[in-house]
């Protein structure tokens, strides 16, 4: 919508929310890939040790989302909506 009408029509709140969601999804993706890589490393380097339990997996998911939210919060807080009046 922004590119069609050349303006932001969703207001100040959505400006902050959309920036938070964009950066949070990037951080979640990167942290999830890092967690998968660490798990694969553990499985390859220590094949006889027991695998990760469901509880530990759930804790890892919660930690990933908390970290991603913390990393994305500054982008949402300091995002500004500037209005330019042309005419």
Protein backbone atom coordinates (compact mmCIF):
# COMPACT_ATOMS: atom_id res chain seq x y z
CA UNK A 1 0.00 0.00 0.00
CA UNK A 2 2.86 2.36 0.83
CA UNK A 3 4.38 2.03 -2.62
CA UNK A 4 1.06 2.43 -4.45
CA UNK A 5 -0.12 5.56 -2.67
CA UNK A 6 3.40 6.92 -1.88
CA UNK A 7 2.44 7.47 1.75
CA UNK A 8 2.06 5.54 5.00
CA UNK A 9 -1.66 5.24 5.74
CA UNK A 10 -1.58 2.95 8.79
CA UNK A 11 -0.64 5.46 11.47
CA UNK A 12 2.14 5.77 14.00
CA UNK A 13 1.42 2.58 15.96
CA UNK A 14 1.58 0.34 12.91
CA UNK A 15 4.81 2.07 11.89
CA UNK A 16 6.42 0.79 15.09
CA UNK A 17 4.72 -2.61 15.00
CA UNK A 18 5.63 -3.34 11.38
CA UNK A 19 9.30 -2.49 12.00
CA UNK A 20 9.34 -4.73 15.09
CA UNK A 21 7.78 -7.66 13.20
CA UNK A 22 10.20 -7.29 10.28
CA UNK A 23 13.30 -7.34 12.45
CA UNK A 24 11.95 -9.95 14.86
CA UNK A 25 11.33 -12.41 12.04
CA UNK A 26 14.90 -11.94 10.78
CA UNK A 27 16.36 -12.46 14.25
CA UNK A 28 14.21 -15.54 14.91
CA UNK A 29 15.31 -17.07 11.60
CA UNK A 30 19.00 -16.46 12.26
CA UNK A 31 18.88 -17.68 15.86
CA UNK A 32 16.91 -20.79 14.85
CA UNK A 33 19.49 -21.65 12.18
CA UNK A 34 22.26 -21.14 14.75
CA UNK A 35 20.46 -23.46 17.20
CA UNK A 36 20.07 -26.11 14.49
CA UNK A 37 23.76 -25.81 13.64
CA UNK A 38 24.73 -26.21 17.30
CA UNK A 39 22.48 -29.26 17.64
CA UNK A 40 23.98 -30.84 14.51
CA UNK A 41 27.48 -30.13 15.84
CA UNK A 42 26.67 -31.84 19.13
CA UNK A 43 25.18 -34.88 17.36
CA UNK A 44 28.16 -35.26 15.02
CA UNK A 45 30.89 -34.62 17.60
CA UNK A 46 29.27 -36.67 20.39
CA UNK A 47 27.20 -39.42 18.73
CA UNK A 48 26.79 -41.54 21.86
CA UNK A 49 25.37 -38.81 24.08
CA UNK A 50 21.58 -38.65 24.39
CA UNK A 51 19.72 -36.27 22.09
CA UNK A 52 18.03 -33.06 23.20
CA UNK A 53 14.81 -33.63 25.14
CA UNK A 54 11.46 -32.01 24.36
CA UNK A 55 11.78 -29.81 27.43
CA UNK A 56 15.20 -28.52 26.41
CA UNK A 57 13.90 -27.94 22.89
CA UNK A 58 11.00 -25.90 24.23
CA UNK A 59 13.35 -23.88 26.41
CA UNK A 60 15.56 -23.19 23.38
CA UNK A 61 12.53 -21.95 21.42
CA UNK A 62 11.50 -19.64 24.25
CA UNK A 63 15.04 -18.29 24.55
CA UNK A 64 15.21 -17.69 20.79
CA UNK A 65 11.96 -15.69 20.81
CA UNK A 66 12.93 -13.68 23.91
CA UNK A 67 16.33 -12.80 22.43
CA UNK A 68 14.81 -11.91 19.06
CA UNK A 69 12.26 -9.67 20.76
CA UNK A 70 14.96 -7.94 22.78
CA UNK A 71 17.13 -7.42 19.71
CA UNK A 72 14.18 -6.03 17.71
CA UNK A 73 12.76 -3.73 20.35
CA UNK A 74 15.20 -0.82 19.76
CA UNK A 75 14.23 -0.76 16.08
CA UNK A 76 10.57 -0.43 17.02
CA UNK A 77 11.11 2.14 19.76
CA UNK A 78 13.31 4.50 17.78
CA UNK A 79 11.40 4.23 14.50
CA UNK A 80 9.97 7.62 13.56
CA UNK A 81 7.15 8.58 11.26
CA UNK A 82 7.99 11.81 9.48
CA UNK A 83 5.34 13.71 7.56
CA UNK A 84 6.26 15.72 4.50
CA UNK A 85 3.75 18.15 3.10
CA UNK A 86 4.22 18.70 -0.61
CA UNK A 87 2.19 21.30 -2.35
